[in-house]
């Protein structure tokens, strides 16, 4: 069975900012929170968040549709909702496919 992949956390991102930029740990965490808050606020009002050489976050509107309970086969209405989508850039796709999949290394200074 495959091992579960590691997850990059807010704390690790803040630590990477601290290491690369030289801000204090508190300032690095505050900077990260400000960036994430700005992204979330833009998405809430329906704006796209485009990060060059990384990708685009966007909110899509899904309409009402009919779903089916797989156990019973009963049709169930699914209400309209907004969903978050991410489209990776061509540069990110190329980077991901440039080498064979391996365990993710720690965020390095060059990765920021």
PDB file of N, CA and C in Angstrom:
ATOM      1  N   UNK A   1       0.830  -1.175   0.000  1.00  0.00           N
ATOM      2  CA  UNK A   1       0.000   0.000   0.000  1.00  0.00           C
ATOM      3  C   UNK A   1       0.882   1.250   0.000  1.00  0.00           C
ATOM      4  N   UNK A   2       0.516   2.266  -0.780  1.00  0.00           N
ATOM      5  CA  UNK A   2       1.310   3.488  -0.868  1.00  0.00           C
ATOM      6  C   UNK A   2       1.202   4.299   0.406  1.00  0.00           C
ATOM      7  N   UNK A   3       2.320   4.935   0.775  1.00  0.00           N
ATOM      8  CA  UNK A   3       2.317   5.823   1.935  1.00  0.00           C
ATOM      9  C   UNK A   3       1.566   7.096   1.568  1.00  0.00           C
ATOM     10  N   UNK A   4       0.887   7.664   2.535  1.00  0.00           N
ATOM     11  CA  UNK A   4       0.152   8.893   2.302  1.00  0.00           C
ATOM     12  C   UNK A   4       1.129  10.038   2.069  1.00  0.00           C
ATOM     13  N   UNK A   5       0.879  10.898   1.051  1.00  0.00           N
ATOM     14  CA  UNK A   5       1.805  11.993   0.771  1.00  0.00           C
ATOM     15  C   UNK A   5       1.823  13.014   1.915  1.00  0.00           C
ATOM     16  N   UNK A   6       2.965  13.676   2.044  1.00  0.00           N
ATOM     17  CA  UNK A   6       3.089  14.705   3.067  1.00  0.00           C
ATOM     18  C   UNK A   6       2.260  15.914   2.679  1.00  0.00           C
ATOM     19  N   UNK A   7       1.926  16.740   3.655  1.00  0.00           N
ATOM     20  CA  UNK A   7       1.142  17.940   3.431  1.00  0.00           C
ATOM     21  C   UNK A   7       1.956  19.149   3.857  1.00  0.00           C
ATOM     22  N   UNK A   8       1.980  20.170   3.004  1.00  0.00           N
ATOM     23  CA  UNK A   8       2.646  21.422   3.328  1.00  0.00           C
ATOM     24  C   UNK A   8       1.663  22.273   4.123  1.00  0.00           C
ATOM     25  N   UNK A   9       2.044  22.695   5.333  1.00  0.00           N
ATOM     26  CA  UNK A   9       1.142  23.417   6.228  1.00  0.00           C
ATOM     27  C   UNK A   9       1.432  24.920   6.237  1.00  0.00           C
ATOM     28  N   UNK A  10       0.516  25.672   6.818  1.00  0.00           N
ATOM     29  CA  UNK A  10       0.721  27.116   6.989  1.00  0.00           C
ATOM     30  C   UNK A  10       1.994  27.385   7.775  1.00  0.00           C
ATOM     31  N   UNK A  11       2.198  26.609   8.828  1.00  0.00           N
ATOM     32  CA  UNK A  11       3.386  26.806   9.658  1.00  0.00           C
ATOM     33  C   UNK A  11       4.662  26.598   8.847  1.00  0.00           C
ATOM     34  N   UNK A  12       4.665  25.599   7.974  1.00  0.00           N
ATOM     35  CA  UNK A  12       5.840  25.353   7.138  1.00  0.00           C
ATOM     36  C   UNK A  12       6.039  26.471   6.121  1.00  0.00           C
ATOM     37  N   UNK A  13       4.950  26.984   5.558  1.00  0.00           N
ATOM     38  CA  UNK A  13       5.058  28.113   4.637  1.00  0.00           C
ATOM     39  C   UNK A  13       5.595  29.345   5.351  1.00  0.00           C
ATOM     40  N   UNK A  14       5.081  29.629   6.551  1.00  0.00           N
ATOM     41  CA  UNK A  14       5.561  30.773   7.325  1.00  0.00           C
ATOM     42  C   UNK A  14       7.039  30.617   7.659  1.00  0.00           C
ATOM     43  N   UNK A  15       7.447  29.404   7.983  1.00  0.00           N
ATOM     44  CA  UNK A  15       8.864  29.132   8.286  1.00  0.00           C
ATOM     45  C   UNK A  15       9.725  29.345   7.040  1.00  0.00           C
ATOM     46  N   UNK A  16       9.221  28.952   5.871  1.00  0.00           N
ATOM     47  CA  UNK A  16       9.962  29.158   4.621  1.00  0.00           C
ATOM     48  C   UNK A  16      10.114  30.655   4.329  1.00  0.00           C
ATOM     49  N   UNK A  17       9.070  31.435   4.592  1.00  0.00           N
ATOM     50  CA  UNK A  17       9.149  32.890   4.413  1.00  0.00           C
ATOM     51  C   UNK A  17      10.182  33.462   5.380  1.00  0.00           C
ATOM     52  N   UNK A  18      10.136  33.017   6.627  1.00  0.00           N
ATOM     53  CA  UNK A  18      11.091  33.466   7.643  1.00  0.00           C
ATOM     54  C   UNK A  18      12.524  33.188   7.190  1.00  0.00           C
ATOM     55  N   UNK A  19      12.767  31.998   6.676  1.00  0.00           N
ATOM     56  CA  UNK A  19      14.110  31.603   6.256  1.00  0.00           C
ATOM     57  C   UNK A  19      14.568  32.378   5.024  1.00  0.00           C
ATOM     58  N   UNK A  20      13.680  32.536   4.042  1.00  0.00           N
ATOM     59  CA  UNK A  20      14.061  33.158   2.775  1.00  0.00           C
ATOM     60  C   UNK A  20      14.137  34.678   2.841  1.00  0.00           C
ATOM     61  N   UNK A  21      13.210  35.302   3.565  1.00  0.00           N
ATOM     62  CA  UNK A  21      13.106  36.758   3.538  1.00  0.00           C
ATOM     63  C   UNK A  21      13.816  37.409   4.715  1.00  0.00           C
ATOM     64  N   UNK A  22      13.839  36.727   5.831  1.00  0.00           N
ATOM     65  CA  UNK A  22      14.518  37.291   6.989  1.00  0.00           C
ATOM     66  C   UNK A  22      13.616  38.090   7.912  1.00  0.00           C
ATOM     67  N   UNK A  23      12.317  38.043   7.690  1.00  0.00           N
ATOM     68  CA  UNK A  23      11.389  38.676   8.636  1.00  0.00           C
ATOM     69  C   UNK A  23      11.365  37.840   9.911  1.00  0.00           C
ATOM     70  N   UNK A  24      10.828  38.411  10.977  1.00  0.00           N
ATOM     71  CA  UNK A  24      10.679  37.619  12.193  1.00  0.00           C
ATOM     72  C   UNK A  24       9.637  36.532  11.935  1.00  0.00           C
ATOM     73  N   UNK A  25       9.593  35.539  12.804  1.00  0.00           N
ATOM     74  CA  UNK A  25       8.599  34.464  12.621  1.00  0.00           C
ATOM     75  C   UNK A  25       7.182  35.019  12.690  1.00  0.00           C
ATOM     76  N   UNK A  26       6.933  35.948  13.605  1.00  0.00           N
ATOM     77  CA  UNK A  26       5.593  36.550  13.714  1.00  0.00           C
ATOM     78  C   UNK A  26       5.252  37.358  12.470  1.00  0.00           C
ATOM     79  N   UNK A  27       6.215  38.122  11.954  1.00  0.00           N
ATOM     80  CA  UNK A  27       5.972  38.912  10.746  1.00  0.00           C
ATOM     81  C   UNK A  27       5.750  37.990   9.542  1.00  0.00           C
ATOM     82  N   UNK A  28       6.497  36.902   9.479  1.00  0.00           N
ATOM     83  CA  UNK A  28       6.339  35.942   8.382  1.00  0.00           C
ATOM     84  C   UNK A  28       4.950  35.313   8.416  1.00  0.00           C
ATOM     85  N   UNK A  29       4.496  34.925   9.597  1.00  0.00           N
ATOM     86  CA  UNK A  29       3.157  34.343   9.745  1.00  0.00           C
ATOM     87  C   UNK A  29       2.088  35.378   9.382  1.00  0.00           C
ATOM     88  N   UNK A  30       2.284  36.638   9.812  1.00  0.00           N
ATOM     89  CA  UNK A  30       1.322  37.697   9.505  1.00  0.00           C
ATOM     90  C   UNK A  30       1.273  37.975   8.003  1.00  0.00           C
ATOM     91  N   UNK A  31       2.425  37.956   7.343  1.00  0.00           N
ATOM     92  CA  UNK A  31       2.484  38.161   5.894  1.00  0.00           C
ATOM     93  C   UNK A  31       1.728  37.051   5.168  1.00  0.00           C
ATOM     94  N   UNK A  32       1.955  35.816   5.566  1.00  0.00           N
ATOM     95  CA  UNK A  32       1.263  34.679   4.961  1.00  0.00           C
ATOM     96  C   UNK A  32      -0.246  34.812   5.155  1.00  0.00           C
ATOM     97  N   UNK A  33      -0.676  35.142   6.360  1.00  0.00           N
ATOM     98  CA  UNK A  33      -2.114  35.296   6.641  1.00  0.00           C
ATOM     99  C   UNK A  33      -2.716  36.414   5.803  1.00  0.00           C
ATOM    100  N   UNK A  34      -1.973  37.524   5.617  1.00  0.00           N
ATOM    101  CA  UNK A  34      -2.473  38.638   4.810  1.00  0.00           C
ATOM    102  C   UNK A  34      -2.656  38.216   3.350  1.00  0.00           C
ATOM    103  N   UNK A  35      -1.714  37.457   2.820  1.00  0.00           N
ATOM    104  CA  UNK A  35      -1.810  36.988   1.436  1.00  0.00           C
ATOM    105  C   UNK A  35      -2.991  36.033   1.288  1.00  0.00           C
ATOM    106  N   UNK A  36      -3.118  35.079   2.200  1.00  0.00           N
ATOM    107  CA  UNK A  36      -4.226  34.114   2.124  1.00  0.00           C
ATOM    108  C   UNK A  36      -5.572  34.808   2.295  1.00  0.00           C
ATOM    109  N   UNK A  37      -5.639  35.811   3.174  1.00  0.00           N
ATOM    110  CA  UNK A  37      -6.880  36.557   3.387  1.00  0.00           C
ATOM    111  C   UNK A  37      -7.258  37.351   2.139  1.00  0.00           C
ATOM    112  N   UNK A  38      -6.262  37.960   1.491  1.00  0.00           N
ATOM    113  CA  UNK A  38      -6.535  38.710   0.263  1.00  0.00           C
ATOM    114  C   UNK A  38      -7.057  37.779  -0.832  1.00  0.00           C
ATOM    115  N   UNK A  39      -6.463  36.602  -0.926  1.00  0.00           N
ATOM    116  CA  UNK A  39      -6.924  35.625  -1.918  1.00  0.00           C
ATOM    117  C   UNK A  39      -8.359  35.183  -1.623  1.00  0.00           C
ATOM    118  N   UNK A  40      -8.635  34.852  -0.367  1.00  0.00           N
ATOM    119  CA  UNK A  40      -9.981  34.399   0.016  1.00  0.00           C
ATOM    120  C   UNK A  40     -11.017  35.495  -0.212  1.00  0.00           C
ATOM    121  N   UNK A  41     -10.670  36.729   0.109  1.00  0.00           N
ATOM    122  CA  UNK A  41     -11.606  37.847  -0.085  1.00  0.00           C
ATOM    123  C   UNK A  41     -11.937  38.034  -1.563  1.00  0.00           C
ATOM    124  N   UNK A  42     -10.924  37.948  -2.415  1.00  0.00           N
ATOM    125  CA  UNK A  42     -11.153  38.086  -3.854  1.00  0.00           C
ATOM    126  C   UNK A  42     -12.052  36.957  -4.365  1.00  0.00           C
ATOM    127  N   UNK A  43     -11.815  35.749  -3.920  1.00  0.00           N
ATOM    128  CA  UNK A  43     -12.627  34.608  -4.354  1.00  0.00           C
ATOM    129  C   UNK A  43     -14.064  34.731  -3.859  1.00  0.00           C
ATOM    130  N   UNK A  44     -14.243  35.252  -2.652  1.00  0.00           N
ATOM    131  CA  UNK A  44     -15.601  35.417  -2.093  1.00  0.00           C
ATOM    132  C   UNK A  44     -16.465  36.311  -2.954  1.00  0.00           C
ATOM    133  N   UNK A  45     -15.866  37.336  -3.553  1.00  0.00           N
ATOM    134  CA  UNK A  45     -16.661  38.259  -4.375  1.00  0.00           C
ATOM    135  C   UNK A  45     -16.667  37.852  -5.846  1.00  0.00           C
ATOM    136  N   UNK A  46     -16.122  36.666  -6.137  1.00  0.00           N
ATOM    137  CA  UNK A  46     -16.199  36.123  -7.479  1.00  0.00           C
ATOM    138  C   UNK A  46     -15.033  36.462  -8.388  1.00  0.00           C
ATOM    139  N   UNK A  47     -14.000  37.094  -7.877  1.00  0.00           N
ATOM    140  CA  UNK A  47     -12.831  37.409  -8.694  1.00  0.00           C
ATOM    141  C   UNK A  47     -11.937  36.190  -8.834  1.00  0.00           C
ATOM    142  N   UNK A  48     -11.169  36.155  -9.923  1.00  0.00           N
ATOM    143  CA  UNK A  48     -10.165  35.118 -10.100  1.00  0.00           C
ATOM    144  C   UNK A  48      -8.891  35.552  -9.390  1.00  0.00           C
ATOM    145  N   UNK A  49      -8.130  34.593  -8.910  1.00  0.00           N
ATOM    146  CA  UNK A  49      -6.822  34.867  -8.330  1.00  0.00           C
ATOM    147  C   UNK A  49      -5.803  34.174  -9.228  1.00  0.00           C
ATOM    148  N   UNK A  50      -5.029  34.987  -9.949  1.00  0.00           N
ATOM    149  CA  UNK A  50      -4.059  34.451 -10.903  1.00  0.00           C
ATOM    150  C   UNK A  50      -2.655  34.713 -10.380  1.00  0.00           C
ATOM    151  N   UNK A  51      -1.891  33.638 -10.230  1.00  0.00           N
ATOM    152  CA  UNK A  51      -0.515  33.734  -9.776  1.00  0.00           C
ATOM    153  C   UNK A  51       0.357  33.246 -10.922  1.00  0.00           C
ATOM    154  N   UNK A  52       1.145  34.164 -11.494  1.00  0.00           N
ATOM    155  CA  UNK A  52       1.966  33.845 -12.658  1.00  0.00           C
ATOM    156  C   UNK A  52       2.864  32.647 -12.374  1.00  0.00           C
ATOM    157  N   UNK A  53       3.007  31.779 -13.355  1.00  0.00           N
ATOM    158  CA  UNK A  53       3.836  30.576 -13.302  1.00  0.00           C
ATOM    159  C   UNK A  53       3.373  29.585 -12.240  1.00  0.00           C
ATOM    160  N   UNK A  54       2.179  29.778 -11.704  1.00  0.00           N
ATOM    161  CA  UNK A  54       1.626  28.839 -10.731  1.00  0.00           C
ATOM    162  C   UNK A  54       0.253  28.366 -11.180  1.00  0.00           C
ATOM    163  N   UNK A  55      -0.710  29.302 -11.277  1.00  0.00           N
ATOM    164  CA  UNK A  55      -2.033  28.904 -11.718  1.00  0.00           C
ATOM    165  C   UNK A  55      -3.090  29.919 -11.350  1.00  0.00           C
ATOM    166  N   UNK A  56      -4.339  29.549 -11.628  1.00  0.00           N
ATOM    167  CA  UNK A  56      -5.479  30.430 -11.399  1.00  0.00           C
ATOM    168  C   UNK A  56      -6.515  29.730 -10.517  1.00  0.00           C
ATOM    169  N   UNK A  57      -6.930  30.426  -9.465  1.00  0.00           N
ATOM    170  CA  UNK A  57      -8.025  29.974  -8.612  1.00  0.00           C
ATOM    171  C   UNK A  57      -9.261  30.718  -9.076  1.00  0.00           C
ATOM    172  N   UNK A  58     -10.382  30.010  -9.240  1.00  0.00           N
ATOM    173  CA  UNK A  58     -11.613  30.667  -9.637  1.00  0.00           C
ATOM    174  C   UNK A  58     -12.807  29.978  -9.006  1.00  0.00           C
ATOM    175  N   UNK A  59     -13.889  30.743  -8.892  1.00  0.00           N
ATOM    176  CA  UNK A  59     -15.132  30.222  -8.320  1.00  0.00           C
ATOM    177  C   UNK A  59     -16.103  29.987  -9.468  1.00  0.00           C
ATOM    178  N   UNK A  60     -16.654  28.785  -9.526  1.00  0.00           N
ATOM    179  CA  UNK A  60     -17.642  28.439 -10.541  1.00  0.00           C
ATOM    180  C   UNK A  60     -19.002  28.286  -9.885  1.00  0.00           C
ATOM    181  N   UNK A  61     -20.023  28.690 -10.612  1.00  0.00           N
ATOM    182  CA  UNK A  61     -21.405  28.529 -10.142  1.00  0.00           C
ATOM    183  C   UNK A  61     -21.950  27.227 -10.719  1.00  0.00           C
ATOM    184  N   UNK A  62     -22.428  26.338  -9.851  1.00  0.00           N
ATOM    185  CA  UNK A  62     -23.050  25.097 -10.319  1.00  0.00           C
ATOM    186  C   UNK A  62     -24.552  25.215 -10.088  1.00  0.00           C
ATOM    187  N   UNK A  63     -25.306  24.905 -11.098  1.00  0.00           N
ATOM    188  CA  UNK A  63     -26.758  25.009 -11.016  1.00  0.00           C
ATOM    189  C   UNK A  63     -27.395  23.814 -10.330  1.00  0.00           C
ATOM    190  N   UNK A  64     -28.695  23.891 -10.171  1.00  0.00           N
ATOM    191  CA  UNK A  64     -29.466  22.787  -9.602  1.00  0.00           C
ATOM    192  C   UNK A  64     -29.396  21.593 -10.550  1.00  0.00           C
ATOM    193  N   UNK A  65     -29.261  20.411  -9.980  1.00  0.00           N
ATOM    194  CA  UNK A  65     -29.252  19.205 -10.800  1.00  0.00           C
ATOM    195  C   UNK A  65     -29.831  18.056  -9.997  1.00  0.00           C
ATOM    196  N   UNK A  66     -30.102  16.986 -10.680  1.00  0.00           N
ATOM    197  CA  UNK A  66     -30.653  15.797 -10.038  1.00  0.00           C
ATOM    198  C   UNK A  66     -29.519  14.789  -9.860  1.00  0.00           C
ATOM    199  N   UNK A  67     -29.344  14.339  -8.634  1.00  0.00           N
ATOM    200  CA  UNK A  67     -28.367  13.305  -8.334  1.00  0.00           C
ATOM    201  C   UNK A  67     -29.090  12.015  -8.002  1.00  0.00           C
ATOM    202  N   UNK A  68     -28.332  10.978  -7.784  1.00  0.00           N
ATOM    203  CA  UNK A  68     -28.943   9.685  -7.484  1.00  0.00           C
ATOM    204  C   UNK A  68     -28.192   9.040  -6.328  1.00  0.00           C
ATOM    205  N   UNK A  69     -28.939   8.566  -5.331  1.00  0.00           N
ATOM    206  CA  UNK A  69     -28.346   7.833  -4.219  1.00  0.00           C
ATOM    207  C   UNK A  69     -27.847   6.503  -4.776  1.00  0.00           C
ATOM    208  N   UNK A  70     -26.531   6.243  -4.702  1.00  0.00           N
ATOM    209  CA  UNK A  70     -26.016   5.013  -5.304  1.00  0.00           C
ATOM    210  C   UNK A  70     -26.519   3.731  -4.651  1.00  0.00           C
ATOM    211  N   UNK A  71     -26.884   3.794  -3.387  1.00  0.00           N
ATOM    212  CA  UNK A  71     -27.381   2.590  -2.706  1.00  0.00           C
ATOM    213  C   UNK A  71     -28.811   2.255  -3.092  1.00  0.00           C
ATOM    214  N   UNK A  72     -29.663   3.291  -3.070  1.00  0.00           N
ATOM    215  CA  UNK A  72     -31.092   3.036  -3.279  1.00  0.00           C
ATOM    216  C   UNK A  72     -31.566   3.364  -4.683  1.00  0.00           C
ATOM    217  N   UNK A  73     -30.806   4.177  -5.406  1.00  0.00           N
ATOM    218  CA  UNK A  73     -31.220   4.577  -6.748  1.00  0.00           C
ATOM    219  C   UNK A  73     -32.238   5.697  -6.753  1.00  0.00           C
ATOM    220  N   UNK A  74     -32.579   6.227  -5.579  1.00  0.00           N
ATOM    221  CA  UNK A  74     -33.571   7.295  -5.469  1.00  0.00           C
ATOM    222  C   UNK A  74     -32.959   8.606  -5.969  1.00  0.00           C
ATOM    223  N   UNK A  75     -33.723   9.329  -6.813  1.00  0.00           N
ATOM    224  CA  UNK A  75     -33.256  10.621  -7.295  1.00  0.00           C
ATOM    225  C   UNK A  75     -33.378  11.664  -6.200  1.00  0.00           C
ATOM    226  N   UNK A  76     -32.345  12.511  -6.087  1.00  0.00           N
ATOM    227  CA  UNK A  76     -32.303  13.546  -5.049  1.00  0.00           C
ATOM    228  C   UNK A  76     -31.895  14.862  -5.705  1.00  0.00           C
ATOM    229  N   UNK A  77     -32.628  15.952  -5.458  1.00  0.00           N
ATOM    230  CA  UNK A  77     -32.224  17.235  -6.035  1.00  0.00           C
ATOM    231  C   UNK A  77     -30.971  17.762  -5.317  1.00  0.00           C
ATOM    232  N   UNK A  78     -30.009  18.258  -6.095  1.00  0.00           N
ATOM    233  CA  UNK A  78     -28.803  18.856  -5.536  1.00  0.00           C
ATOM    234  C   UNK A  78     -28.918  20.357  -5.774  1.00  0.00           C
ATOM    235  N   UNK A  79     -28.858  21.124  -4.691  1.00  0.00           N
ATOM    236  CA  UNK A  79     -29.073  22.565  -4.775  1.00  0.00           C
ATOM    237  C   UNK A  79     -27.879  23.272  -5.430  1.00  0.00           C
ATOM    238  N   UNK A  80     -28.113  24.463  -5.988  1.00  0.00           N
ATOM    239  CA  UNK A  80     -27.029  25.212  -6.621  1.00  0.00           C
ATOM    240  C   UNK A  80     -25.979  25.612  -5.581  1.00  0.00           C
ATOM    241  N   UNK A  81     -24.747  25.710  -6.035  1.00  0.00           N
ATOM    242  CA  UNK A  81     -23.679  26.083  -5.111  1.00  0.00           C
ATOM    243  C   UNK A  81     -22.507  26.646  -5.884  1.00  0.00           C
ATOM    244  N   UNK A  82     -21.587  27.236  -5.142  1.00  0.00           N
ATOM    245  CA  UNK A  82     -20.349  27.759  -5.709  1.00  0.00           C
ATOM    246  C   UNK A  82     -19.225  26.801  -5.340  1.00  0.00           C
ATOM    247  N   UNK A  83     -18.357  26.512  -6.307  1.00  0.00           N
ATOM    248  CA  UNK A  83     -17.244  25.607  -6.048  1.00  0.00           C
ATOM    249  C   UNK A  83     -15.938  26.281  -6.454  1.00  0.00           C
ATOM    250  N   UNK A  84     -14.883  25.971  -5.730  1.00  0.00           N
ATOM    251  CA  UNK A  84     -13.567  26.519  -6.004  1.00  0.00           C
ATOM    252  C   UNK A  84     -12.836  25.600  -6.974  1.00  0.00           C
ATOM    253  N   UNK A  85     -12.259  26.181  -8.008  1.00  0.00           N
ATOM    254  CA  UNK A  85     -11.485  25.426  -8.990  1.00  0.00           C
ATOM    255  C   UNK A  85     -10.076  25.992  -9.059  1.00  0.00           C
ATOM    256  N   UNK A  86      -9.142  25.137  -9.437  1.00  0.00           N
ATOM    257  CA  UNK A  86      -7.763  25.570  -9.645  1.00  0.00           C
ATOM    258  C   UNK A  86      -7.309  25.055 -10.993  1.00  0.00           C
ATOM    259  N   UNK A  87      -6.780  25.968 -11.809  1.00  0.00           N
ATOM    260  CA  UNK A  87      -6.206  25.594 -13.096  1.00  0.00           C
ATOM    261  C   UNK A  87      -4.712  25.864 -13.029  1.00  0.00           C
ATOM    262  N   UNK A  88      -3.887  24.832 -13.057  1.00  0.00           N
ATOM    263  CA  UNK A  88      -2.440  25.054 -13.008  1.00  0.00           C
ATOM    264  C   UNK A  88      -1.946  25.709 -14.297  1.00  0.00           C
ATOM    265  N   UNK A  89      -0.891  26.517 -14.166  1.00  0.00           N
ATOM    266  CA  UNK A  89      -0.295  27.155 -15.344  1.00  0.00           C
ATOM    267  C   UNK A  89       0.508  26.124 -16.137  1.00  0.00           C
ATOM    268  N   UNK A  90       0.845  26.481 -17.360  1.00  0.00           N
ATOM    269  CA  UNK A  90       1.669  25.593 -18.181  1.00  0.00           C
ATOM    270  C   UNK A  90       3.037  25.391 -17.531  1.00  0.00           C
ATOM    271  N   UNK A  91       3.565  26.445 -16.900  1.00  0.00           N
ATOM    272  CA  UNK A  91       4.867  26.340 -16.238  1.00  0.00           C
ATOM    273  C   UNK A  91       4.817  25.338 -15.080  1.00  0.00           C
ATOM    274  N   UNK A  92       3.736  25.374 -14.291  1.00  0.00           N
ATOM    275  CA  UNK A  92       3.607  24.431 -13.181  1.00  0.00           C
ATOM    276  C   UNK A  92       3.434  23.009 -13.703  1.00  0.00           C
ATOM    277  N   UNK A  93       2.623  22.840 -14.744  1.00  0.00           N
ATOM    278  CA  UNK A  93       2.441  21.513 -15.329  1.00  0.00           C
ATOM    279  C   UNK A  93       3.778  20.958 -15.824  1.00  0.00           C
ATOM    280  N   UNK A  94       4.551  21.797 -16.486  1.00  0.00           N
ATOM    281  CA  UNK A  94       5.856  21.359 -16.995  1.00  0.00           C
ATOM    282  C   UNK A  94       6.780  20.986 -15.845  1.00  0.00           C
ATOM    283  N   UNK A  95       6.752  21.758 -14.783  1.00  0.00           N
ATOM    284  CA  UNK A  95       7.601  21.478 -13.621  1.00  0.00           C
ATOM    285  C   UNK A  95       7.219  20.153 -12.968  1.00  0.00           C
ATOM    286  N   UNK A  96       5.904  19.902 -12.854  1.00  0.00           N
ATOM    287  CA  UNK A  96       5.435  18.665 -12.235  1.00  0.00           C
ATOM    288  C   UNK A  96       5.776  17.442 -13.075  1.00  0.00           C
ATOM    289  N   UNK A  97       5.794  17.603 -14.385  1.00  0.00           N
ATOM    290  CA  UNK A  97       6.039  16.477 -15.273  1.00  0.00           C
ATOM    291  C   UNK A  97       7.492  16.347 -15.717  1.00  0.00           C
ATOM    292  N   UNK A  98       8.352  17.219 -15.219  1.00  0.00           N
ATOM    293  CA  UNK A  98       9.761  17.213 -15.626  1.00  0.00           C
ATOM    294  C   UNK A  98      10.531  16.048 -15.023  1.00  0.00           C
ATOM    295  N   UNK A  99      10.088  15.557 -13.891  1.00  0.00           N
ATOM    296  CA  UNK A  99      10.796  14.445 -13.247  1.00  0.00           C
ATOM    297  C   UNK A  99       9.770  13.445 -12.722  1.00  0.00           C
ATOM    298  N   UNK A 100      10.253  12.263 -12.457  1.00  0.00           N
ATOM    299  CA  UNK A 100       9.381  11.204 -11.949  1.00  0.00           C
ATOM    300  C   UNK A 100       8.854  11.588 -10.578  1.00  0.00           C
ATOM    301  N   UNK A 101       7.623  11.173 -10.231  1.00  0.00           N
ATOM    302  CA  UNK A 101       7.077  11.479  -8.911  1.00  0.00           C
ATOM    303  C   UNK A 101       7.971  10.912  -7.806  1.00  0.00           C
ATOM    304  N   UNK A 102       8.203  11.737  -6.814  1.00  0.00           N
ATOM    305  CA  UNK A 102       8.993  11.299  -5.659  1.00  0.00           C
ATOM    306  C   UNK A 102       8.472  12.016  -4.430  1.00  0.00           C
ATOM    307  N   UNK A 103       8.990  11.653  -3.284  1.00  0.00           N
ATOM    308  CA  UNK A 103       8.560  12.312  -2.056  1.00  0.00           C
ATOM    309  C   UNK A 103       8.938  13.779  -2.131  1.00  0.00           C
ATOM    310  N   UNK A 104       8.015  14.637  -1.740  1.00  0.00           N
ATOM    311  CA  UNK A 104       8.233  16.075  -1.784  1.00  0.00           C
ATOM    312  C   UNK A 104       9.332  16.444  -0.794  1.00  0.00           C
ATOM    313  N   UNK A 105      10.241  17.276  -1.255  1.00  0.00           N
ATOM    314  CA  UNK A 105      11.288  17.742  -0.366  1.00  0.00           C
ATOM    315  C   UNK A 105      10.795  18.979   0.368  1.00  0.00           C
ATOM    316  N   UNK A 106      11.462  19.334   1.412  1.00  0.00           N
ATOM    317  CA  UNK A 106      11.095  20.511   2.181  1.00  0.00           C
ATOM    318  C   UNK A 106      11.186  21.752   1.306  1.00  0.00           C
ATOM    319  N   UNK A 107      10.366  22.770   1.589  1.00  0.00           N
ATOM    320  CA  UNK A 107      10.393  23.993   0.835  1.00  0.00           C
ATOM    321  C   UNK A 107      11.754  24.654   1.017  1.00  0.00           C
ATOM    322  N   UNK A 108      12.400  24.903  -0.097  1.00  0.00           N
ATOM    323  CA  UNK A 108      13.725  25.512  -0.045  1.00  0.00           C
ATOM    324  C   UNK A 108      13.631  26.976  -0.413  1.00  0.00           C
ATOM    325  N   UNK A 109      14.681  27.704  -0.134  1.00  0.00           N
ATOM    326  CA  UNK A 109      14.747  29.127  -0.412  1.00  0.00           C
ATOM    327  C   UNK A 109      14.473  29.388  -1.900  1.00  0.00           C
ATOM    328  N   UNK A 110      15.025  28.557  -2.764  1.00  0.00           N
ATOM    329  CA  UNK A 110      14.863  28.728  -4.194  1.00  0.00           C
ATOM    330  C   UNK A 110      13.424  28.495  -4.658  1.00  0.00           C
ATOM    331  N   UNK A 111      12.624  27.766  -3.879  1.00  0.00           N
ATOM    332  CA  UNK A 111      11.255  27.470  -4.254  1.00  0.00           C
ATOM    333  C   UNK A 111      10.299  28.625  -4.005  1.00  0.00           C
ATOM    334  N   UNK A 112      10.719  29.614  -3.246  1.00  0.00           N
ATOM    335  CA  UNK A 112       9.816  30.729  -2.945  1.00  0.00           C
ATOM    336  C   UNK A 112       9.827  31.766  -4.001  1.00  0.00           C
TER     337      UNK A 112
END
